[in-house]
Amino acid sequence: MADIISVLASGYTSAALQTPSKTKYVNVDPALYNGTWTGTYSNTKKFSITVSDVQGFRAQVKYQSEGTVKYQSVLIKDGSFRIGDTKFALGKNDTASIRNVVTDPATGQTQLVTGTAKRS
């Protein structure tokens, strides 16, 4: 039990504090987000993100990456949204920056993998 408490305590003390965005949610152009975005992470795993039904600043998203499939309603703010442990940030010329936190089930260690997605 003491081990669990010490792990949790170290996690709280090492977590970086983020300043929340002070911008409001605003309607986005659906043409910028709708479609299927595909790419490869820095660890060579492929992924795809399908964005649909963009209305205002809300959208429906399907995320797929080597055996993992997630469906989620998301809120788009400052050109980005999160689906699970993955962050999608819209770029220029039909590209997006994708960051994903991967947890090793055997050790519990986390790793940040990044990738660039292109809309097809």
N, C-alpha and C. Protein backbone atom coordinates (compact mmCIF):
# COMPACT_ATOMS: atom_id res chain seq x y z
N MET A 1 0.82 -1.19 0.00
CA MET A 1 0.00 0.00 0.00
C MET A 1 0.86 1.26 0.00
N ALA A 2 1.96 1.22 0.76
CA ALA A 2 2.85 2.39 0.83
C ALA A 2 3.46 2.68 -0.54
N ASP A 3 3.72 1.60 -1.33
CA ASP A 3 4.29 1.80 -2.66
C ASP A 3 3.33 2.55 -3.57
N ILE A 4 2.06 2.22 -3.48
CA ILE A 4 1.06 2.90 -4.31
C ILE A 4 0.98 4.37 -3.94
N ILE A 5 0.96 4.66 -2.65
CA ILE A 5 0.88 6.05 -2.20
C ILE A 5 2.10 6.84 -2.66
N SER A 6 3.29 6.23 -2.58
CA SER A 6 4.50 6.96 -2.99
C SER A 6 4.51 7.21 -4.49
N VAL A 7 4.00 6.26 -5.27
CA VAL A 7 3.91 6.45 -6.73
C VAL A 7 2.96 7.59 -7.05
N LEU A 8 1.80 7.59 -6.40
CA LEU A 8 0.83 8.66 -6.65
C LEU A 8 1.39 10.02 -6.22
N ALA A 9 2.05 10.06 -5.09
CA ALA A 9 2.60 11.32 -4.59
C ALA A 9 3.68 11.85 -5.53
N SER A 10 4.53 10.97 -6.04
CA SER A 10 5.59 11.44 -6.95
C SER A 10 4.99 11.91 -8.27
N GLY A 11 3.90 11.27 -8.69
CA GLY A 11 3.23 11.70 -9.92
C GLY A 11 2.66 13.10 -9.81
N TYR A 12 2.06 13.41 -8.65
CA TYR A 12 1.49 14.73 -8.44
C TYR A 12 2.58 15.80 -8.34
N THR A 13 3.68 15.48 -7.72
CA THR A 13 4.73 16.48 -7.55
C THR A 13 5.51 16.71 -8.83
N SER A 14 5.57 15.69 -9.71
CA SER A 14 6.34 15.85 -10.93
C SER A 14 5.49 16.36 -12.10
N ALA A 15 4.18 16.40 -11.94
CA ALA A 15 3.31 16.85 -13.02
C ALA A 15 3.48 18.35 -13.25
N ALA A 16 3.67 18.70 -14.51
CA ALA A 16 3.83 20.12 -14.86
C ALA A 16 2.46 20.81 -14.81
N LEU A 17 2.41 21.96 -14.25
CA LEU A 17 1.17 22.72 -14.19
C LEU A 17 0.98 23.44 -15.52
N GLN A 18 -0.21 23.34 -16.04
CA GLN A 18 -0.52 24.01 -17.29
C GLN A 18 -1.47 25.16 -17.02
N THR A 19 -1.22 26.26 -17.69
CA THR A 19 -2.12 27.39 -17.57
C THR A 19 -3.27 27.17 -18.54
N PRO A 20 -4.50 27.14 -18.05
CA PRO A 20 -5.62 26.91 -18.95
C PRO A 20 -5.79 28.06 -19.94
N SER A 21 -6.26 27.71 -21.11
CA SER A 21 -6.50 28.71 -22.14
C SER A 21 -7.63 29.64 -21.71
N LYS A 22 -7.47 30.92 -21.97
CA LYS A 22 -8.50 31.88 -21.60
C LYS A 22 -9.38 32.25 -22.80
N THR A 23 -9.12 31.60 -23.95
CA THR A 23 -9.95 31.88 -25.12
C THR A 23 -11.26 31.11 -25.02
N LYS A 24 -12.28 31.65 -25.68
CA LYS A 24 -13.59 31.02 -25.68
C LYS A 24 -13.70 30.04 -26.84
N TYR A 25 -14.62 29.11 -26.72
CA TYR A 25 -14.91 28.22 -27.83
C TYR A 25 -15.62 29.03 -28.91
N VAL A 26 -15.15 28.91 -30.14
CA VAL A 26 -15.76 29.62 -31.26
C VAL A 26 -16.01 28.62 -32.39
N ASN A 27 -17.00 28.92 -33.21
CA ASN A 27 -17.32 28.05 -34.34
C ASN A 27 -16.12 27.97 -35.29
N VAL A 28 -15.90 26.76 -35.83
CA VAL A 28 -14.79 26.54 -36.77
C VAL A 28 -15.35 26.23 -38.14
N ASP A 29 -14.51 26.33 -39.15
CA ASP A 29 -14.87 26.00 -40.51
C ASP A 29 -14.80 24.47 -40.67
N PRO A 30 -15.94 23.81 -40.88
CA PRO A 30 -15.93 22.34 -41.00
C PRO A 30 -15.01 21.83 -42.11
N ALA A 31 -14.83 22.61 -43.17
CA ALA A 31 -13.99 22.18 -44.28
C ALA A 31 -12.53 21.99 -43.86
N LEU A 32 -12.11 22.67 -42.80
CA LEU A 32 -10.72 22.54 -42.34
C LEU A 32 -10.48 21.23 -41.60
N TYR A 33 -11.52 20.63 -41.03
CA TYR A 33 -11.35 19.45 -40.17
C TYR A 33 -11.91 18.16 -40.75
N ASN A 34 -13.06 18.24 -41.45
CA ASN A 34 -13.72 17.03 -41.95
C ASN A 34 -12.80 16.21 -42.84
N GLY A 35 -12.85 14.88 -42.66
CA GLY A 35 -12.08 13.98 -43.51
C GLY A 35 -11.28 12.99 -42.69
N THR A 36 -10.49 12.19 -43.39
CA THR A 36 -9.65 11.19 -42.75
C THR A 36 -8.21 11.64 -42.82
N TRP A 37 -7.56 11.68 -41.68
CA TRP A 37 -6.18 12.11 -41.53
C TRP A 37 -5.33 10.89 -41.21
N THR A 38 -4.29 10.64 -42.00
CA THR A 38 -3.45 9.46 -41.78
C THR A 38 -1.99 9.86 -41.66
N GLY A 39 -1.24 9.04 -40.94
CA GLY A 39 0.18 9.30 -40.78
C GLY A 39 0.87 8.18 -40.04
N THR A 40 2.14 8.42 -39.67
CA THR A 40 2.96 7.45 -38.95
C THR A 40 3.61 8.15 -37.78
N TYR A 41 3.56 7.50 -36.60
CA TYR A 41 4.20 8.04 -35.41
C TYR A 41 5.72 7.87 -35.49
N SER A 42 6.42 8.53 -34.58
CA SER A 42 7.87 8.44 -34.50
C SER A 42 8.34 7.03 -34.16
N ASN A 43 7.44 6.18 -33.62
CA ASN A 43 7.80 4.79 -33.34
C ASN A 43 7.37 3.84 -34.47
N THR A 44 7.10 4.39 -35.64
CA THR A 44 6.75 3.70 -36.90
C THR A 44 5.35 3.09 -36.92
N LYS A 45 4.52 3.32 -35.92
CA LYS A 45 3.14 2.81 -35.95
C LYS A 45 2.26 3.77 -36.74
N LYS A 46 1.38 3.19 -37.56
CA LYS A 46 0.48 3.99 -38.38
C LYS A 46 -0.79 4.33 -37.60
N PHE A 47 -1.42 5.45 -37.97
CA PHE A 47 -2.66 5.87 -37.32
C PHE A 47 -3.55 6.55 -38.33
N SER A 48 -4.83 6.62 -38.00
CA SER A 48 -5.76 7.42 -38.79
C SER A 48 -6.79 8.04 -37.86
N ILE A 49 -7.18 9.25 -38.19
CA ILE A 49 -8.17 9.99 -37.43
C ILE A 49 -9.22 10.47 -38.42
N THR A 50 -10.46 10.07 -38.19
CA THR A 50 -11.55 10.49 -39.05
C THR A 50 -12.41 11.49 -38.29
N VAL A 51 -12.52 12.68 -38.85
CA VAL A 51 -13.31 13.76 -38.24
C VAL A 51 -14.56 13.95 -39.10
N SER A 52 -15.72 13.95 -38.44
CA SER A 52 -16.97 14.11 -39.18
C SER A 52 -17.96 14.93 -38.36
N ASP A 53 -19.03 15.32 -39.01
CA ASP A 53 -20.15 16.01 -38.36
C ASP A 53 -19.69 17.21 -37.52
N VAL A 54 -18.84 18.05 -38.13
CA VAL A 54 -18.38 19.26 -37.43
C VAL A 54 -19.52 20.27 -37.44
N GLN A 55 -19.97 20.64 -36.23
CA GLN A 55 -21.03 21.64 -36.08
C GLN A 55 -20.61 22.60 -35.00
N GLY A 56 -20.42 23.86 -35.38
CA GLY A 56 -19.94 24.86 -34.43
C GLY A 56 -18.51 24.55 -34.05
N PHE A 57 -18.28 24.19 -32.79
CA PHE A 57 -16.94 23.80 -32.35
C PHE A 57 -16.93 22.35 -31.87
N ARG A 58 -17.98 21.59 -32.22
CA ARG A 58 -18.07 20.18 -31.84
C ARG A 58 -17.87 19.29 -33.06
N ALA A 59 -17.34 18.08 -32.82
CA ALA A 59 -17.15 17.14 -33.93
C ALA A 59 -17.19 15.71 -33.39
N GLN A 60 -17.44 14.78 -34.29
CA GLN A 60 -17.36 13.35 -33.98
C GLN A 60 -16.04 12.84 -34.54
N VAL A 61 -15.28 12.07 -33.74
CA VAL A 61 -13.95 11.63 -34.16
C VAL A 61 -13.80 10.13 -33.93
N LYS A 62 -13.17 9.47 -34.91
CA LYS A 62 -12.79 8.06 -34.78
C LYS A 62 -11.27 8.00 -34.90
N TYR A 63 -10.62 7.38 -33.91
CA TYR A 63 -9.16 7.23 -33.88
C TYR A 63 -8.82 5.76 -34.02
N GLN A 64 -7.88 5.43 -34.92
CA GLN A 64 -7.41 4.06 -35.10
C GLN A 64 -5.90 4.04 -35.14
N SER A 65 -5.31 3.08 -34.41
CA SER A 65 -3.87 2.87 -34.47
C SER A 65 -3.53 1.47 -34.00
N GLU A 66 -3.15 0.61 -34.93
CA GLU A 66 -2.68 -0.75 -34.65
C GLU A 66 -3.44 -1.44 -33.53
N GLY A 67 -4.70 -1.75 -33.79
CA GLY A 67 -5.50 -2.50 -32.83
C GLY A 67 -6.33 -1.65 -31.88
N THR A 68 -6.07 -0.37 -31.80
CA THR A 68 -6.83 0.52 -30.92
C THR A 68 -7.83 1.31 -31.77
N VAL A 69 -9.08 1.29 -31.35
CA VAL A 69 -10.12 2.08 -32.01
C VAL A 69 -10.87 2.84 -30.91
N LYS A 70 -10.99 4.16 -31.09
CA LYS A 70 -11.71 5.00 -30.13
C LYS A 70 -12.67 5.89 -30.89
N TYR A 71 -13.87 6.05 -30.34
CA TYR A 71 -14.86 6.98 -30.87
C TYR A 71 -15.14 8.01 -29.77
N GLN A 72 -15.24 9.28 -30.17
CA GLN A 72 -15.47 10.30 -29.15
C GLN A 72 -16.05 11.56 -29.78
N SER A 73 -16.91 12.23 -29.02
CA SER A 73 -17.33 13.58 -29.37
C SER A 73 -16.28 14.52 -28.80
N VAL A 74 -15.81 15.48 -29.59
CA VAL A 74 -14.74 16.37 -29.13
C VAL A 74 -15.17 17.82 -29.25
N LEU A 75 -14.48 18.68 -28.50
CA LEU A 75 -14.64 20.12 -28.58
C LEU A 75 -13.36 20.68 -29.18
N ILE A 76 -13.50 21.50 -30.22
CA ILE A 76 -12.35 22.07 -30.91
C ILE A 76 -12.09 23.46 -30.34
N LYS A 77 -10.88 23.69 -29.87
CA LYS A 77 -10.51 24.98 -29.30
C LYS A 77 -9.07 25.29 -29.68
N ASP A 78 -8.81 26.51 -30.12
CA ASP A 78 -7.47 26.96 -30.51
C ASP A 78 -6.87 26.05 -31.58
N GLY A 79 -7.72 25.53 -32.48
CA GLY A 79 -7.23 24.71 -33.59
C GLY A 79 -6.85 23.30 -33.21
N SER A 80 -7.28 22.83 -32.04
CA SER A 80 -6.91 21.48 -31.64
C SER A 80 -8.00 20.82 -30.81
N PHE A 81 -7.89 19.51 -30.65
CA PHE A 81 -8.79 18.74 -29.80
C PHE A 81 -8.06 17.51 -29.29
N ARG A 82 -8.63 16.88 -28.28
CA ARG A 82 -8.08 15.64 -27.71
C ARG A 82 -9.08 14.51 -27.89
N ILE A 83 -8.53 13.33 -28.20
CA ILE A 83 -9.32 12.11 -28.20
C ILE A 83 -8.52 11.09 -27.41
N GLY A 84 -8.97 10.81 -26.20
CA GLY A 84 -8.22 9.93 -25.30
C GLY A 84 -6.88 10.56 -24.93
N ASP A 85 -5.81 9.82 -25.14
CA ASP A 85 -4.45 10.31 -24.84
C ASP A 85 -3.79 10.96 -26.05
N THR A 86 -4.57 11.25 -27.07
CA THR A 86 -4.03 11.78 -28.33
C THR A 86 -4.49 13.22 -28.54
N LYS A 87 -3.57 14.08 -28.96
CA LYS A 87 -3.91 15.47 -29.25
C LYS A 87 -3.69 15.73 -30.74
N PHE A 88 -4.70 16.33 -31.35
CA PHE A 88 -4.70 16.71 -32.76
C PHE A 88 -4.60 18.22 -32.83
N ALA A 89 -3.59 18.73 -33.53
CA ALA A 89 -3.44 20.18 -33.71
C ALA A 89 -3.38 20.49 -35.20
N LEU A 90 -4.33 21.25 -35.68
CA LEU A 90 -4.41 21.58 -37.10
C LEU A 90 -3.22 22.41 -37.53
N GLY A 91 -2.64 22.05 -38.68
CA GLY A 91 -1.52 22.80 -39.24
C GLY A 91 -1.94 23.48 -40.53
N LYS A 92 -0.98 23.69 -41.40
CA LYS A 92 -1.25 24.34 -42.69
C LYS A 92 -1.25 23.31 -43.80
N ASN A 93 -1.90 23.64 -44.91
CA ASN A 93 -1.89 22.83 -46.12
C ASN A 93 -2.35 21.39 -45.88
N ASP A 94 -3.49 21.22 -45.22
CA ASP A 94 -4.07 19.90 -44.96
C ASP A 94 -3.14 18.97 -44.18
N THR A 95 -2.42 19.52 -43.21
CA THR A 95 -1.60 18.70 -42.31
C THR A 95 -2.01 18.98 -40.87
N ALA A 96 -1.65 18.05 -40.00
CA ALA A 96 -1.94 18.21 -38.57
C ALA A 96 -0.81 17.56 -37.78
N SER A 97 -0.54 18.12 -36.63
CA SER A 97 0.45 17.56 -35.72
C SER A 97 -0.29 16.67 -34.72
N ILE A 98 0.20 15.45 -34.55
CA ILE A 98 -0.45 14.49 -33.67
C ILE A 98 0.55 14.09 -32.58
N ARG A 99 0.10 14.17 -31.33
CA ARG A 99 0.93 13.72 -30.19
C ARG A 99 0.12 12.70 -29.40
N ASN A 100 0.77 11.60 -29.03
CA ASN A 100 0.08 10.52 -28.35
C ASN A 100 0.93 10.01 -27.19
N VAL A 101 0.31 9.81 -26.05
CA VAL A 101 1.00 9.24 -24.89
C VAL A 101 0.73 7.74 -24.88
N VAL A 102 1.81 6.95 -24.94
CA VAL A 102 1.71 5.50 -24.97
C VAL A 102 2.20 4.97 -23.63
N THR A 103 1.41 4.11 -22.99
CA THR A 103 1.79 3.50 -21.71
C THR A 103 2.15 2.04 -21.94
N ASP A 104 3.34 1.65 -21.49
CA ASP A 104 3.77 0.26 -21.57
C ASP A 104 3.02 -0.53 -20.49
N PRO A 105 2.22 -1.53 -20.89
CA PRO A 105 1.42 -2.25 -19.89
C PRO A 105 2.27 -3.06 -18.91
N ALA A 106 3.46 -3.47 -19.31
CA ALA A 106 4.29 -4.28 -18.43
C ALA A 106 4.97 -3.44 -17.35
N THR A 107 5.44 -2.25 -17.72
CA THR A 107 6.20 -1.43 -16.76
C THR A 107 5.42 -0.24 -16.24
N GLY A 108 4.38 0.18 -16.97
CA GLY A 108 3.61 1.35 -16.58
C GLY A 108 4.28 2.65 -16.99
N GLN A 109 5.40 2.57 -17.67
CA GLN A 109 6.10 3.78 -18.11
C GLN A 109 5.39 4.38 -19.32
N THR A 110 5.42 5.71 -19.40
CA THR A 110 4.78 6.39 -20.51
C THR A 110 5.82 6.98 -21.44
N GLN A 111 5.42 7.12 -22.71
CA GLN A 111 6.30 7.67 -23.74
C GLN A 111 5.44 8.54 -24.65
N LEU A 112 5.98 9.68 -25.05
CA LEU A 112 5.29 10.57 -25.97
C LEU A 112 5.77 10.27 -27.39
N VAL A 113 4.84 9.93 -28.28
CA VAL A 113 5.18 9.73 -29.68
C VAL A 113 4.47 10.81 -30.50
N THR A 114 5.14 11.28 -31.52
CA THR A 114 4.59 12.35 -32.35
C THR A 114 4.51 11.90 -33.79
N GLY A 115 3.68 12.59 -34.53
CA GLY A 115 3.55 12.29 -35.96
C GLY A 115 2.88 13.45 -36.67
N THR A 116 2.96 13.41 -37.97
CA THR A 116 2.28 14.38 -38.81
C THR A 116 1.26 13.66 -39.65
N ALA A 117 0.05 14.18 -39.69
CA ALA A 117 -1.03 13.56 -40.46
C ALA A 117 -1.33 14.42 -41.67
N LYS A 118 -1.67 13.75 -42.75
CA LYS A 118 -2.14 14.41 -43.97
C LYS A 118 -3.57 13.96 -44.23
N ARG A 119 -4.36 14.91 -44.69
CA ARG A 119 -5.76 14.56 -45.00
C ARG A 119 -5.83 13.92 -46.37
N SER A 120 -6.56 12.82 -46.45
CA SER A 120 -6.70 12.14 -47.74
C SER A 120 -8.06 12.38 -48.35
